[in-house]
N, C-alpha and C. Protein backbone atom coordinates (compact mmCIF):
# COMPACT_ATOMS: atom_id res chain seq x y z
N MET A 1 -2.64 25.26 17.45
CA MET A 1 -2.05 24.40 16.46
C MET A 1 -0.89 25.13 15.79
N GLU A 2 0.21 24.44 15.64
CA GLU A 2 1.41 25.04 15.07
C GLU A 2 1.26 25.18 13.56
N LYS A 3 1.69 26.31 13.05
CA LYS A 3 1.63 26.58 11.60
C LYS A 3 2.95 26.14 10.97
N PHE A 4 2.87 25.43 9.86
CA PHE A 4 4.06 24.94 9.16
C PHE A 4 4.23 25.67 7.84
N ASP A 5 5.47 25.87 7.48
CA ASP A 5 5.80 26.47 6.18
C ASP A 5 5.69 25.39 5.12
N GLU A 6 4.73 25.54 4.22
CA GLU A 6 4.48 24.51 3.21
C GLU A 6 5.60 24.41 2.18
N ASN A 7 6.52 25.35 2.16
CA ASN A 7 7.66 25.30 1.24
C ASN A 7 8.86 24.61 1.87
N ASP A 8 8.79 24.31 3.15
CA ASP A 8 9.88 23.66 3.87
C ASP A 8 10.04 22.22 3.36
N ILE A 9 11.26 21.84 3.06
CA ILE A 9 11.53 20.50 2.52
C ILE A 9 11.15 19.41 3.52
N ASN A 10 11.45 19.62 4.80
CA ASN A 10 11.09 18.62 5.81
C ASN A 10 9.58 18.45 5.91
N TYR A 11 8.86 19.56 5.79
CA TYR A 11 7.40 19.50 5.82
C TYR A 11 6.88 18.71 4.62
N GLN A 12 7.42 18.98 3.44
CA GLN A 12 6.99 18.29 2.22
C GLN A 12 7.26 16.79 2.32
N GLN A 13 8.43 16.41 2.85
CA GLN A 13 8.77 14.99 3.01
C GLN A 13 7.83 14.32 4.00
N ALA A 14 7.56 15.00 5.11
CA ALA A 14 6.65 14.44 6.12
C ALA A 14 5.24 14.31 5.54
N LYS A 15 4.82 15.28 4.77
CA LYS A 15 3.50 15.25 4.16
C LYS A 15 3.38 14.07 3.19
N ARG A 16 4.42 13.86 2.37
CA ARG A 16 4.41 12.72 1.43
C ARG A 16 4.37 11.40 2.17
N GLN A 17 5.11 11.31 3.29
CA GLN A 17 5.10 10.06 4.06
C GLN A 17 3.72 9.80 4.66
N VAL A 18 3.07 10.85 5.14
CA VAL A 18 1.71 10.70 5.69
C VAL A 18 0.75 10.26 4.59
N GLU A 19 0.90 10.80 3.39
CA GLU A 19 0.06 10.39 2.27
C GLU A 19 0.30 8.93 1.91
N ARG A 20 1.56 8.49 1.94
CA ARG A 20 1.87 7.07 1.67
C ARG A 20 1.27 6.18 2.75
N LEU A 21 1.36 6.60 4.01
CA LEU A 21 0.77 5.82 5.10
C LEU A 21 -0.74 5.73 4.95
N ARG A 22 -1.38 6.86 4.63
CA ARG A 22 -2.83 6.86 4.44
C ARG A 22 -3.22 5.93 3.29
N GLY A 23 -2.46 5.94 2.22
CA GLY A 23 -2.72 5.05 1.10
C GLY A 23 -2.57 3.60 1.49
N PHE A 24 -1.53 3.29 2.27
CA PHE A 24 -1.33 1.91 2.70
C PHE A 24 -2.46 1.45 3.61
N TYR A 25 -2.84 2.28 4.57
CA TYR A 25 -3.91 1.88 5.50
C TYR A 25 -5.24 1.71 4.77
N GLY A 26 -5.50 2.53 3.76
CA GLY A 26 -6.70 2.35 2.94
C GLY A 26 -6.65 1.03 2.20
N HIS A 27 -5.47 0.70 1.66
CA HIS A 27 -5.27 -0.57 0.96
C HIS A 27 -5.47 -1.74 1.92
N LEU A 28 -4.91 -1.63 3.12
CA LEU A 28 -5.05 -2.69 4.12
C LEU A 28 -6.52 -2.88 4.52
N PHE A 29 -7.23 -1.77 4.75
CA PHE A 29 -8.64 -1.86 5.11
C PHE A 29 -9.44 -2.55 4.00
N SER A 30 -9.19 -2.16 2.75
CA SER A 30 -9.89 -2.78 1.62
C SER A 30 -9.60 -4.27 1.55
N TYR A 31 -8.33 -4.63 1.75
CA TYR A 31 -7.92 -6.04 1.71
C TYR A 31 -8.69 -6.85 2.75
N VAL A 32 -8.73 -6.34 3.97
CA VAL A 32 -9.41 -7.06 5.05
C VAL A 32 -10.92 -7.14 4.79
N ALA A 33 -11.53 -6.01 4.43
CA ALA A 33 -12.98 -5.98 4.22
C ALA A 33 -13.41 -6.89 3.07
N VAL A 34 -12.75 -6.79 1.94
CA VAL A 34 -13.13 -7.60 0.78
C VAL A 34 -12.88 -9.08 1.06
N ASN A 35 -11.75 -9.41 1.68
CA ASN A 35 -11.48 -10.81 1.94
C ASN A 35 -12.42 -11.40 2.98
N LEU A 36 -12.88 -10.61 3.94
CA LEU A 36 -13.89 -11.11 4.87
C LEU A 36 -15.20 -11.42 4.15
N LEU A 37 -15.57 -10.56 3.20
CA LEU A 37 -16.77 -10.83 2.40
C LEU A 37 -16.61 -12.09 1.56
N ILE A 38 -15.43 -12.27 0.99
CA ILE A 38 -15.17 -13.48 0.19
C ILE A 38 -15.22 -14.72 1.06
N VAL A 39 -14.64 -14.66 2.25
CA VAL A 39 -14.68 -15.80 3.18
C VAL A 39 -16.13 -16.13 3.53
N TYR A 40 -16.92 -15.12 3.85
CA TYR A 40 -18.32 -15.35 4.19
C TYR A 40 -19.07 -15.98 3.02
N TYR A 41 -18.90 -15.42 1.83
CA TYR A 41 -19.57 -15.95 0.64
C TYR A 41 -19.17 -17.40 0.38
N ASN A 42 -17.89 -17.68 0.46
CA ASN A 42 -17.42 -19.05 0.23
C ASN A 42 -17.95 -20.01 1.31
N TYR A 43 -18.01 -19.53 2.53
CA TYR A 43 -18.47 -20.37 3.64
C TYR A 43 -19.95 -20.74 3.49
N ILE A 44 -20.78 -19.75 3.15
CA ILE A 44 -22.21 -20.06 3.04
C ILE A 44 -22.54 -20.90 1.81
N ASN A 45 -21.64 -20.97 0.86
CA ASN A 45 -21.86 -21.75 -0.35
C ASN A 45 -21.13 -23.10 -0.35
N LEU A 46 -20.64 -23.51 0.81
CA LEU A 46 -20.01 -24.84 0.90
C LEU A 46 -21.06 -25.93 0.75
N LYS A 47 -20.69 -26.98 0.08
CA LYS A 47 -21.56 -28.15 -0.01
C LYS A 47 -21.43 -28.95 1.28
N PRO A 48 -22.41 -29.78 1.60
CA PRO A 48 -22.31 -30.57 2.84
C PRO A 48 -21.03 -31.41 2.87
N ASN A 49 -20.35 -31.38 4.00
CA ASN A 49 -19.09 -32.11 4.25
C ASN A 49 -17.93 -31.62 3.39
N GLU A 50 -18.05 -30.48 2.75
CA GLU A 50 -16.94 -29.94 1.95
C GLU A 50 -16.05 -29.09 2.86
N SER A 51 -14.77 -29.24 2.71
CA SER A 51 -13.82 -28.48 3.51
C SER A 51 -13.66 -27.07 2.94
N TYR A 52 -13.52 -26.10 3.82
CA TYR A 52 -13.28 -24.72 3.36
C TYR A 52 -11.87 -24.56 2.83
N PHE A 53 -10.94 -25.35 3.32
CA PHE A 53 -9.53 -25.19 3.01
C PHE A 53 -9.18 -25.79 1.65
N GLN A 54 -9.53 -25.02 0.62
CA GLN A 54 -9.24 -25.37 -0.76
C GLN A 54 -8.51 -24.18 -1.38
N PHE A 55 -7.66 -24.44 -2.33
CA PHE A 55 -6.87 -23.38 -2.96
C PHE A 55 -7.76 -22.28 -3.53
N LYS A 56 -8.85 -22.65 -4.16
CA LYS A 56 -9.73 -21.65 -4.80
C LYS A 56 -10.29 -20.65 -3.81
N ASN A 57 -10.38 -21.02 -2.54
CA ASN A 57 -10.90 -20.10 -1.52
C ASN A 57 -9.85 -19.11 -1.03
N PHE A 58 -8.60 -19.31 -1.38
CA PHE A 58 -7.53 -18.45 -0.87
C PHE A 58 -6.77 -17.71 -1.96
N ILE A 59 -7.14 -17.91 -3.20
CA ILE A 59 -6.35 -17.33 -4.29
C ILE A 59 -6.38 -15.80 -4.28
N THR A 60 -7.53 -15.19 -4.04
CA THR A 60 -7.61 -13.73 -4.00
C THR A 60 -6.78 -13.17 -2.85
N ALA A 61 -6.92 -13.75 -1.67
CA ALA A 61 -6.17 -13.28 -0.51
C ALA A 61 -4.66 -13.44 -0.73
N ALA A 62 -4.27 -14.53 -1.36
CA ALA A 62 -2.84 -14.80 -1.57
C ALA A 62 -2.23 -13.79 -2.54
N PHE A 63 -2.83 -13.63 -3.72
CA PHE A 63 -2.24 -12.73 -4.71
C PHE A 63 -2.36 -11.27 -4.30
N TRP A 64 -3.49 -10.89 -3.74
CA TRP A 64 -3.65 -9.52 -3.27
C TRP A 64 -2.72 -9.28 -2.09
N GLY A 65 -2.51 -10.30 -1.27
CA GLY A 65 -1.58 -10.19 -0.15
C GLY A 65 -0.16 -9.90 -0.59
N VAL A 66 0.26 -10.47 -1.71
CA VAL A 66 1.59 -10.18 -2.25
C VAL A 66 1.68 -8.70 -2.62
N GLY A 67 0.65 -8.17 -3.25
CA GLY A 67 0.62 -6.75 -3.58
C GLY A 67 0.62 -5.88 -2.34
N LEU A 68 -0.12 -6.29 -1.33
CA LEU A 68 -0.16 -5.54 -0.08
C LEU A 68 1.21 -5.55 0.61
N LEU A 69 1.88 -6.67 0.57
CA LEU A 69 3.22 -6.77 1.15
C LEU A 69 4.19 -5.84 0.42
N ALA A 70 4.13 -5.81 -0.90
CA ALA A 70 4.98 -4.91 -1.67
C ALA A 70 4.69 -3.45 -1.31
N HIS A 71 3.42 -3.12 -1.17
CA HIS A 71 3.03 -1.77 -0.78
C HIS A 71 3.62 -1.43 0.60
N ALA A 72 3.54 -2.37 1.53
CA ALA A 72 4.10 -2.15 2.87
C ALA A 72 5.61 -1.93 2.82
N LEU A 73 6.31 -2.68 1.97
CA LEU A 73 7.76 -2.50 1.86
C LEU A 73 8.11 -1.11 1.38
N PHE A 74 7.38 -0.60 0.40
CA PHE A 74 7.65 0.75 -0.11
C PHE A 74 7.34 1.82 0.93
N VAL A 75 6.35 1.59 1.78
CA VAL A 75 5.96 2.60 2.76
C VAL A 75 6.85 2.57 4.00
N PHE A 76 7.15 1.37 4.49
CA PHE A 76 7.81 1.25 5.79
C PHE A 76 9.31 1.00 5.74
N LEU A 77 9.85 0.63 4.59
CA LEU A 77 11.30 0.41 4.49
C LEU A 77 11.89 1.43 3.52
N PRO A 78 12.45 2.51 4.06
CA PRO A 78 12.94 3.58 3.19
C PRO A 78 14.06 3.14 2.23
N ARG A 79 14.91 2.22 2.63
CA ARG A 79 15.99 1.80 1.74
C ARG A 79 15.46 0.93 0.60
N PHE A 80 14.26 0.39 0.75
CA PHE A 80 13.64 -0.41 -0.30
C PHE A 80 12.99 0.48 -1.35
N ASN A 81 12.79 1.74 -1.00
CA ASN A 81 12.03 2.65 -1.84
C ASN A 81 12.90 3.26 -2.93
N PHE A 82 13.33 2.44 -3.88
CA PHE A 82 14.16 2.91 -4.97
C PHE A 82 13.40 3.87 -5.89
N ALA A 83 12.09 3.72 -5.97
CA ALA A 83 11.29 4.59 -6.82
C ALA A 83 11.35 6.03 -6.31
N LYS A 84 11.31 6.21 -5.00
CA LYS A 84 11.38 7.55 -4.42
C LYS A 84 12.73 8.19 -4.72
N LYS A 85 13.79 7.41 -4.59
CA LYS A 85 15.14 7.93 -4.86
C LYS A 85 15.26 8.34 -6.33
N TRP A 86 14.73 7.50 -7.23
CA TRP A 86 14.76 7.82 -8.65
C TRP A 86 13.98 9.10 -8.91
N GLU A 87 12.81 9.22 -8.29
CA GLU A 87 11.97 10.40 -8.47
C GLU A 87 12.69 11.67 -8.03
N GLU A 88 13.32 11.62 -6.86
CA GLU A 88 14.04 12.79 -6.36
C GLU A 88 15.22 13.14 -7.25
N LYS A 89 15.93 12.12 -7.73
CA LYS A 89 17.07 12.34 -8.62
C LYS A 89 16.61 12.98 -9.93
N LYS A 90 15.49 12.50 -10.48
CA LYS A 90 14.95 13.03 -11.73
C LYS A 90 14.49 14.48 -11.54
N ILE A 91 13.85 14.80 -10.42
CA ILE A 91 13.41 16.17 -10.14
C ILE A 91 14.61 17.11 -10.10
N LYS A 92 15.66 16.69 -9.40
CA LYS A 92 16.87 17.51 -9.31
C LYS A 92 17.48 17.70 -10.70
N GLU A 93 17.53 16.63 -11.47
CA GLU A 93 18.09 16.70 -12.82
C GLU A 93 17.31 17.69 -13.69
N LEU A 94 15.99 17.63 -13.63
CA LEU A 94 15.18 18.55 -14.44
C LEU A 94 15.28 19.98 -13.95
N MET A 95 15.38 20.17 -12.63
CA MET A 95 15.53 21.53 -12.09
C MET A 95 16.87 22.13 -12.53
N ASP A 96 17.94 21.32 -12.51
CA ASP A 96 19.26 21.79 -12.93
C ASP A 96 19.25 22.12 -14.43
N LYS A 97 18.54 21.31 -15.20
CA LYS A 97 18.46 21.51 -16.65
C LYS A 97 17.73 22.81 -16.99
N ASN A 98 16.71 23.16 -16.19
CA ASN A 98 15.91 24.34 -16.48
C ASN A 98 16.50 25.63 -15.96
N LYS A 99 17.63 25.58 -15.28
CA LYS A 99 18.25 26.80 -14.74
C LYS A 99 18.90 27.60 -15.84
């Protein structure tokens, strides 16, 4: 196994990206698992001849899905990641100030 210099900037950037990916995949897994449980619960509690396709059965998936989509944009679209750019700019600013 190749040894990496933990002070290397490229290594640090790659490590942060892997951490963001791991966070996103954990979020995605939670989304799928919880929503499957909600679907099952809603399905077994349907009244006779009641349709599953009601707004109340999809509200959690819809709103959580918006959050999941935003998370995906920050992880997979680097130009969308304005927070990362701000963070790097602020770090540089503070490092220059402390010199």
